[in-house]
Amino acid sequence: MTTRSTRARRLSILLVPMFAAVACGNAASSGGGGGDAEAPLAGERIRFIVPTSAGGGFDTTARQLQPYLEEALDATIVVENLEGGGYAIGTQAAINAGGDCKTILFHAVPHVTFSYLTQNVDYTIDDLAPLAGVSIEPGMYRVRDDAPWETMQDLIDDAKARPNEIRLSVSDLTTSNFVAVKQLQELTGADFNVVPYDGGGPARTALVAGEVDVTEAGVFNSLAIDDGTRVLAVNQPENQWPDVTDDAPTTSEALGMEVPSDASNYGMFAPASCEEENPEAYQALVDGVQTAMENPEFVSTLEKLGEADKLFYLSPEEYGDLAQESADEISGILEEDPDAFEVAN
């Protein structure tokens, strides 16, 4: 039988590749984008699929980048939200669009690998061609201002005293948010009533509406609910974002124990058939994303929102490697425990 501490250590492996990437990445890497390679898509109408509902972290980041990607590609880009099915509906629609390179998908690691390894769907990571990693969302715990817990330790103590009574929202079961909560419960003995939603937007709105008591969410994608809420702890080795996290301690510092880090790497994909059948158009997309991310107006816009620190460019090769490493780790966890990513209460 797998013990609580062993399970926590095994789950923590899932997040290691993300932070190996953090150590060597940067917000906007050098190297040219754009140029003549953009010509294949100039004047075209490009479908930009977001596999979550409007208002979530995926949707917000995609729409922030949209106008600058339009400029870089000299194309019209239409954002389309296709939520549901644990990200499968939107992902499958993007893959089914075929190889004309006029459909792109905004997704994240580990979400994309979770979506096919924990569900019965007709795709794998091999059906997608990475375009770039775009941003990083460090995880943290947020509560309403009127919540009774002043510290993370207060919350844990209460969750242990009242098993399954404190409602905690996550964006979905197939996300790093849920992994982080499982790790926290296994390490501390706390027992939360975990409530999964179909996307980060609804999960965070649920906190404001009083449907849940706590949310595990991203630092930047939860800024929309900053008023009326506060951060108890940041699930990172160091809180590098004190100005937007109430200068909260890390979860490890708050609890006096080593707690695995948590983050999502947002990025973009094209159908694999796009790269195979239209390599020039695929390269135009790759170059266009990098050019858009390096646009000074885009960076300035995020700086004004307090979100510039989330920018985290990864090349197609780096982002593809990250996705494959995530898939390998999730597969290993599921082989050990097929029920690892189900709500236990």
Protein backbone atom coordinates (compact mmCIF):
# COMPACT_ATOMS: atom_id res chain seq x y z
CA MET A 1 0.00 0.00 0.00
CA THR A 2 1.35 3.43 -0.96
CA THR A 3 1.85 5.67 2.08
CA ARG A 4 0.80 9.31 2.24
CA SER A 5 4.42 10.56 2.23
CA THR A 6 5.49 8.22 -0.59
CA ARG A 7 2.57 9.36 -2.74
CA ALA A 8 3.50 12.99 -2.12
CA ARG A 9 7.10 12.40 -3.16
CA ARG A 10 5.99 10.54 -6.29
CA LEU A 11 3.58 13.28 -7.31
CA SER A 12 6.23 15.93 -6.77
CA ILE A 13 8.28 14.48 -9.62
CA LEU A 14 5.63 15.72 -12.03
CA LEU A 15 6.57 19.34 -11.45
CA VAL A 16 10.35 19.00 -11.58
CA PRO A 17 10.69 19.50 -15.38
CA MET A 18 8.76 22.77 -15.18
CA PHE A 19 11.23 24.29 -12.77
CA ALA A 20 14.23 22.94 -14.60
CA ALA A 21 12.85 24.99 -17.48
CA VAL A 22 12.36 28.00 -15.24
CA ALA A 23 16.01 27.91 -14.26
CA CYS A 24 17.22 28.17 -17.85
CA GLY A 25 14.44 30.15 -19.54
CA ASN A 26 13.75 33.86 -19.81
CA ALA A 27 10.87 36.19 -20.52
CA ALA A 28 11.69 36.95 -24.13
CA SER A 29 14.67 35.15 -25.57
CA SER A 30 16.91 36.71 -28.15
CA GLY A 31 16.73 35.65 -31.74
CA GLY A 32 14.78 36.97 -34.66
CA GLY A 33 11.16 36.26 -35.34
CA GLY A 34 8.98 37.31 -38.21
CA GLY A 35 10.56 38.23 -41.50
CA ASP A 36 9.75 36.70 -44.88
CA ALA A 37 8.53 33.46 -43.27
CA GLU A 38 5.34 35.29 -42.27
CA ALA A 39 4.20 35.59 -45.90
CA PRO A 40 2.38 32.21 -46.12
CA LEU A 41 -0.30 33.39 -43.65
CA ALA A 42 -0.54 37.07 -44.56
CA GLY A 43 -4.15 38.11 -45.06
CA GLU A 44 -5.53 34.81 -43.75
CA ARG A 45 -8.19 34.29 -41.07
CA ILE A 46 -6.74 32.18 -38.26
CA ARG A 47 -8.85 30.38 -35.68
CA PHE A 48 -7.37 30.66 -32.18
CA ILE A 49 -8.94 27.94 -30.02
CA VAL A 50 -8.95 28.27 -26.23
CA PRO A 51 -10.15 24.99 -24.62
CA THR A 52 -11.63 26.75 -21.57
CA SER A 53 -14.44 29.20 -20.90
CA ALA A 54 -14.00 32.94 -21.31
CA GLY A 55 -12.37 34.82 -18.46
CA GLY A 56 -9.93 32.14 -17.32
CA GLY A 57 -6.16 32.25 -17.36
CA PHE A 58 -5.91 30.60 -20.79
CA ASP A 59 -8.46 32.96 -22.30
CA THR A 60 -7.00 36.10 -20.73
CA THR A 61 -3.42 35.38 -21.80
CA ALA A 62 -4.50 34.37 -25.31
CA ARG A 63 -6.47 37.58 -25.78
CA GLN A 64 -3.62 39.69 -24.42
CA LEU A 65 -1.34 38.23 -27.10
CA GLN A 66 -3.93 38.18 -29.91
CA PRO A 67 -3.49 41.71 -31.39
CA TYR A 68 0.29 41.46 -31.42
CA LEU A 69 0.16 38.05 -33.06
CA GLU A 70 -2.19 39.50 -35.67
CA GLU A 71 0.35 42.21 -36.36
CA ALA A 72 3.25 39.76 -36.54
CA LEU A 73 1.43 37.45 -38.96
CA ASP A 74 -0.42 40.18 -40.89
CA ALA A 75 -3.51 38.02 -40.40
CA THR A 76 -6.91 38.15 -38.72
CA ILE A 77 -7.06 36.03 -35.57
CA VAL A 78 -10.39 35.04 -34.05
CA VAL A 79 -10.41 33.66 -30.50
CA GLU A 80 -12.89 30.82 -30.01
CA ASN A 81 -13.65 29.33 -26.59
CA LEU A 82 -14.42 25.60 -26.81
CA GLU A 83 -14.56 24.51 -23.19
CA GLY A 84 -15.55 21.17 -21.73
CA GLY A 85 -14.40 17.60 -21.49
CA GLY A 86 -11.37 18.38 -19.38
CA TYR A 87 -9.88 20.43 -22.24
CA ALA A 88 -10.59 17.62 -24.71
CA ILE A 89 -13.29 19.34 -26.77
CA GLY A 90 -11.15 22.31 -27.77
CA THR A 91 -8.01 20.24 -28.20
CA GLN A 92 -9.72 17.70 -30.44
CA ALA A 93 -11.28 20.49 -32.52
CA ALA A 94 -7.85 22.02 -33.12
CA ILE A 95 -6.35 18.69 -34.15
CA ASN A 96 -9.28 17.95 -36.45
CA ALA A 97 -8.80 21.29 -38.23
CA GLY A 98 -6.14 19.71 -40.41
CA GLY A 99 -2.89 20.85 -41.93
CA ASP A 100 -3.63 24.26 -43.45
CA CYS A 101 -2.12 25.98 -40.37
CA LYS A 102 -5.15 28.25 -40.03
CA THR A 103 -6.03 26.87 -36.59
CA ILE A 104 -3.88 27.24 -33.49
CA LEU A 105 -4.48 26.07 -29.93
CA PHE A 106 -3.69 27.82 -26.65
CA HIS A 107 -3.01 25.24 -23.95
CA ALA A 108 -0.62 24.47 -21.09
CA VAL A 109 1.72 21.88 -19.66
CA PRO A 110 0.78 19.74 -17.78
CA HIS A 111 -2.89 20.31 -18.71
CA VAL A 112 -2.56 19.04 -22.27
CA THR A 113 -0.88 15.79 -21.21
CA PHE A 114 -3.32 15.25 -18.35
CA SER A 115 -6.22 15.62 -20.78
CA TYR A 116 -5.38 12.52 -22.81
CA LEU A 117 -3.68 10.39 -20.17
CA THR A 118 -6.60 10.59 -17.76
CA GLN A 119 -9.47 10.46 -20.26
CA ASN A 120 -10.62 8.33 -23.16
CA VAL A 121 -9.83 10.61 -26.10
CA ASP A 122 -8.51 10.13 -29.63
CA TYR A 123 -5.32 12.16 -29.42
CA THR A 124 -1.90 12.28 -27.77
CA ILE A 125 0.86 14.87 -27.60
CA ASP A 126 2.12 13.51 -30.94
CA ASP A 127 -0.96 15.01 -32.65
CA LEU A 128 0.18 18.52 -31.73
CA ALA A 129 3.15 20.56 -32.95
CA PRO A 130 4.45 23.03 -30.34
CA LEU A 131 4.76 26.66 -31.41
CA ALA A 132 6.12 28.18 -28.18
CA GLY A 133 5.86 28.37 -24.45
CA VAL A 134 4.37 31.77 -23.66
CA SER A 135 4.04 32.29 -19.91
CA ILE A 136 4.30 30.68 -16.51
CA GLU A 137 1.66 30.62 -13.77
CA PRO A 138 3.12 29.94 -10.32
CA GLY A 139 0.57 28.38 -7.97
CA MET A 140 -0.69 29.90 -4.71
CA TYR A 141 -3.55 29.68 -2.20
CA ARG A 142 -6.06 32.53 -2.10
CA VAL A 143 -8.97 33.17 0.30
CA ARG A 144 -11.52 35.96 0.76
CA ASP A 145 -10.62 38.90 2.99
CA ASP A 146 -13.23 37.79 5.53
CA ALA A 147 -11.84 34.24 5.77
CA PRO A 148 -11.11 33.12 9.36
CA TRP A 149 -7.56 31.96 8.60
CA GLU A 150 -4.74 34.46 9.03
CA THR A 151 -2.02 32.04 7.97
CA MET A 152 -1.60 28.91 5.89
CA GLN A 153 -0.99 26.95 9.08
CA ASP A 154 -4.37 28.14 10.40
CA LEU A 155 -6.02 26.77 7.26
CA ILE A 156 -4.28 23.41 7.52
CA ASP A 157 -5.12 23.05 11.20
CA ASP A 158 -8.78 23.76 10.49
CA ALA A 159 -8.86 21.33 7.55
CA LYS A 160 -7.48 18.61 9.81
CA ALA A 161 -10.01 19.41 12.54
CA ARG A 162 -12.96 19.53 10.13
CA PRO A 163 -12.30 16.87 7.45
CA ASN A 164 -13.99 17.46 4.10
CA GLU A 165 -15.74 20.64 5.24
CA ILE A 166 -13.52 23.38 3.82
CA ARG A 167 -14.31 23.75 0.12
CA LEU A 168 -11.29 24.31 -2.10
CA SER A 169 -11.63 25.00 -5.83
CA VAL A 170 -9.28 23.95 -8.60
CA SER A 171 -9.57 24.72 -12.29
CA ASP A 172 -9.91 21.05 -13.19
CA LEU A 173 -8.73 17.62 -12.08
CA THR A 174 -6.28 17.48 -14.98
CA THR A 175 -4.15 20.42 -13.83
CA SER A 176 -1.15 21.20 -11.68
CA ASN A 177 -3.58 22.97 -9.31
CA PHE A 178 -5.13 19.65 -8.36
CA VAL A 179 -1.74 17.94 -8.09
CA ALA A 180 -0.61 20.65 -5.68
CA VAL A 181 -3.66 20.19 -3.45
CA LYS A 182 -3.18 16.41 -3.39
CA GLN A 183 0.45 16.90 -2.41
CA LEU A 184 -0.54 19.32 0.33
CA GLN A 185 -3.13 16.93 1.77
CA GLU A 186 -0.75 13.98 1.70
CA LEU A 187 2.06 15.89 3.38
CA THR A 188 -0.02 17.57 6.09
CA GLY A 189 -2.92 15.19 6.73
CA ALA A 190 -5.40 17.98 5.90
CA ASP A 191 -8.64 16.90 4.23
CA PHE A 192 -10.27 19.45 1.91
CA ASN A 193 -13.52 19.17 -0.02
CA VAL A 194 -11.90 19.64 -3.43
CA VAL A 195 -14.29 21.14 -6.00
CA PRO A 196 -13.12 20.94 -9.64
CA TYR A 197 -14.43 23.44 -12.21
CA ASP A 198 -14.20 23.54 -15.98
CA GLY A 199 -11.52 26.21 -16.14
CA GLY A 200 -9.71 28.65 -13.90
CA GLY A 201 -12.17 31.50 -14.39
CA PRO A 202 -15.14 29.65 -12.85
CA ALA A 203 -12.93 28.23 -10.08
CA ARG A 204 -11.81 31.69 -9.03
CA THR A 205 -15.26 33.25 -9.42
CA ALA A 206 -16.53 30.55 -7.09
CA LEU A 207 -14.29 31.93 -4.35
CA VAL A 208 -15.62 35.46 -4.74
CA ALA A 209 -19.21 34.18 -4.89
CA GLY A 210 -18.79 32.18 -1.69
CA GLU A 211 -19.28 28.81 -3.38
CA VAL A 212 -15.87 27.74 -2.05
CA ASP A 213 -13.63 28.89 0.80
CA VAL A 214 -10.19 28.63 -0.82
CA THR A 215 -8.79 28.38 -4.33
CA GLU A 216 -5.48 27.04 -5.58
CA ALA A 217 -4.76 29.18 -8.62
CA GLY A 218 -2.06 30.97 -10.56
CA VAL A 219 -0.46 34.15 -9.27
CA PHE A 220 -1.24 36.17 -12.38
CA ASN A 221 -4.49 34.65 -13.57
CA SER A 222 -6.05 35.35 -10.17
CA LEU A 223 -5.25 39.08 -10.18
CA ALA A 224 -8.75 39.74 -11.49
CA ILE A 225 -10.12 38.76 -8.06
CA ASP A 226 -7.42 40.54 -6.07
CA ASP A 227 -9.93 42.98 -4.58
CA GLY A 228 -11.70 41.30 -1.69
CA THR A 229 -9.28 38.39 -1.49
CA ARG A 230 -5.79 37.75 -0.12
CA VAL A 231 -2.97 35.26 -0.62
CA LEU A 232 -2.04 32.90 2.20
CA ALA A 233 0.98 31.23 0.57
CA VAL A 234 2.84 30.92 -2.72
CA ASN A 235 3.61 27.41 -3.85
CA GLN A 236 7.16 28.14 -5.02
CA PRO A 237 10.68 27.85 -3.60
CA GLU A 238 10.75 31.65 -3.34
CA ASN A 239 8.08 34.33 -3.62
CA GLN A 240 9.44 36.40 -6.50
CA TRP A 241 6.15 38.29 -6.89
CA PRO A 242 5.56 40.01 -3.52
CA ASP A 243 3.77 43.01 -5.01
CA VAL A 244 0.96 40.88 -6.45
CA THR A 245 0.80 38.22 -3.73
CA ASP A 246 0.42 40.33 -0.56
CA ASP A 247 4.07 39.51 0.17
CA ALA A 248 2.88 36.09 1.33
CA PRO A 249 5.35 33.44 2.49
CA THR A 250 6.01 30.34 0.45
CA THR A 251 3.95 27.30 1.40
CA SER A 252 7.10 25.60 2.67
CA GLU A 253 7.98 28.58 4.87
CA ALA A 254 4.42 28.90 6.15
CA LEU A 255 4.19 25.23 7.16
CA GLY A 256 7.78 24.58 8.18
CA MET A 257 8.15 21.65 5.80
CA GLU A 258 9.25 21.05 2.24
CA VAL A 259 6.24 21.34 -0.06
CA PRO A 260 6.68 20.65 -3.81
CA SER A 261 6.38 23.64 -6.12
CA ASP A 262 3.48 24.16 -8.48
CA ALA A 263 3.21 25.97 -11.79
CA SER A 264 1.69 25.74 -15.26
CA ASN A 265 3.48 26.65 -18.47
CA TYR A 266 1.04 28.23 -20.93
CA GLY A 267 1.80 27.92 -24.62
CA MET A 268 0.60 27.39 -28.15
CA PHE A 269 0.31 24.45 -30.51
CA ALA A 270 -0.68 23.78 -34.10
CA PRO A 271 -2.02 20.46 -35.38
CA ALA A 272 0.88 18.13 -36.14
CA SER A 273 -0.42 17.94 -39.70
CA CYS A 274 0.30 21.67 -40.07
CA GLU A 275 4.03 21.13 -39.50
CA GLU A 276 4.04 18.00 -41.69
CA GLU A 277 2.06 19.35 -44.66
CA ASN A 278 2.89 23.08 -44.60
CA PRO A 279 6.31 23.56 -43.00
CA GLU A 280 6.64 27.15 -44.24
CA ALA A 281 3.31 28.16 -42.74
CA TYR A 282 4.19 26.33 -39.53
CA GLN A 283 7.48 28.25 -39.30
CA ALA A 284 5.55 31.48 -39.92
CA LEU A 285 3.46 30.69 -36.84
CA VAL A 286 6.56 29.89 -34.79
CA ASP A 287 8.26 33.13 -35.82
CA GLY A 288 5.06 35.09 -35.40
CA VAL A 289 4.56 34.02 -31.78
CA GLN A 290 8.11 34.98 -30.86
CA THR A 291 7.83 38.33 -32.64
CA ALA A 292 4.54 39.07 -30.86
CA MET A 293 6.04 38.25 -27.47
CA GLU A 294 8.98 40.57 -28.12
CA ASN A 295 6.71 43.44 -29.17
CA PRO A 296 7.48 46.35 -26.78
CA GLU A 297 3.81 47.36 -26.70
CA PHE A 298 2.81 43.87 -25.57
CA VAL A 299 5.42 43.88 -22.79
CA SER A 300 4.40 47.41 -21.77
CA THR A 301 0.74 46.41 -21.60
CA LEU A 302 1.55 43.54 -19.24
CA GLU A 303 3.80 45.79 -17.15
CA LYS A 304 0.87 48.17 -16.60
CA LEU A 305 -1.23 45.21 -15.45
CA GLY A 306 1.51 43.96 -13.14
CA GLU A 307 1.80 40.77 -15.20
CA ALA A 308 5.04 41.19 -17.13
CA ASP A 309 6.84 38.70 -14.90
CA LYS A 310 4.65 35.90 -16.19
CA LEU A 311 6.24 36.08 -19.67
CA PHE A 312 8.35 32.98 -20.21
CA TYR A 313 9.33 32.12 -23.78
CA LEU A 314 10.21 28.53 -24.65
CA SER A 315 11.15 27.49 -28.18
CA PRO A 316 9.07 24.79 -29.92
CA GLU A 317 11.74 22.23 -29.06
CA GLU A 318 11.91 23.28 -25.40
CA TYR A 319 8.14 23.37 -25.04
CA GLY A 320 7.78 20.01 -26.76
CA ASP A 321 10.40 18.48 -24.47
CA LEU A 322 8.56 19.88 -21.44
CA ALA A 323 5.28 18.35 -22.63
CA GLN A 324 6.90 14.97 -23.26
CA GLU A 325 8.60 14.97 -19.85
CA SER A 326 5.25 15.78 -18.27
CA ALA A 327 3.60 12.93 -20.17
CA ASP A 328 6.26 10.48 -19.05
CA GLU A 329 5.88 11.48 -15.41
CA ILE A 330 2.08 11.42 -15.43
CA SER A 331 2.15 7.99 -17.08
CA GLY A 332 4.46 6.72 -14.36
CA ILE A 333 2.19 8.05 -11.62
CA LEU A 334 -0.88 6.45 -13.20
CA GLU A 335 0.88 3.10 -13.52
CA GLU A 336 1.57 3.22 -9.79
CA ASP A 337 -1.89 4.51 -8.83
CA PRO A 338 -4.66 4.61 -11.51
CA ASP A 339 -6.83 6.73 -9.19
CA ALA A 340 -4.14 9.32 -8.46
CA PHE A 341 -6.01 12.19 -10.10
CA GLU A 342 -9.49 11.58 -8.78
CA VAL A 343 -11.15 13.44 -5.95
CA ALA A 344 -10.83 11.24 -2.88
CA ASN A 345 -13.70 12.68 -0.86
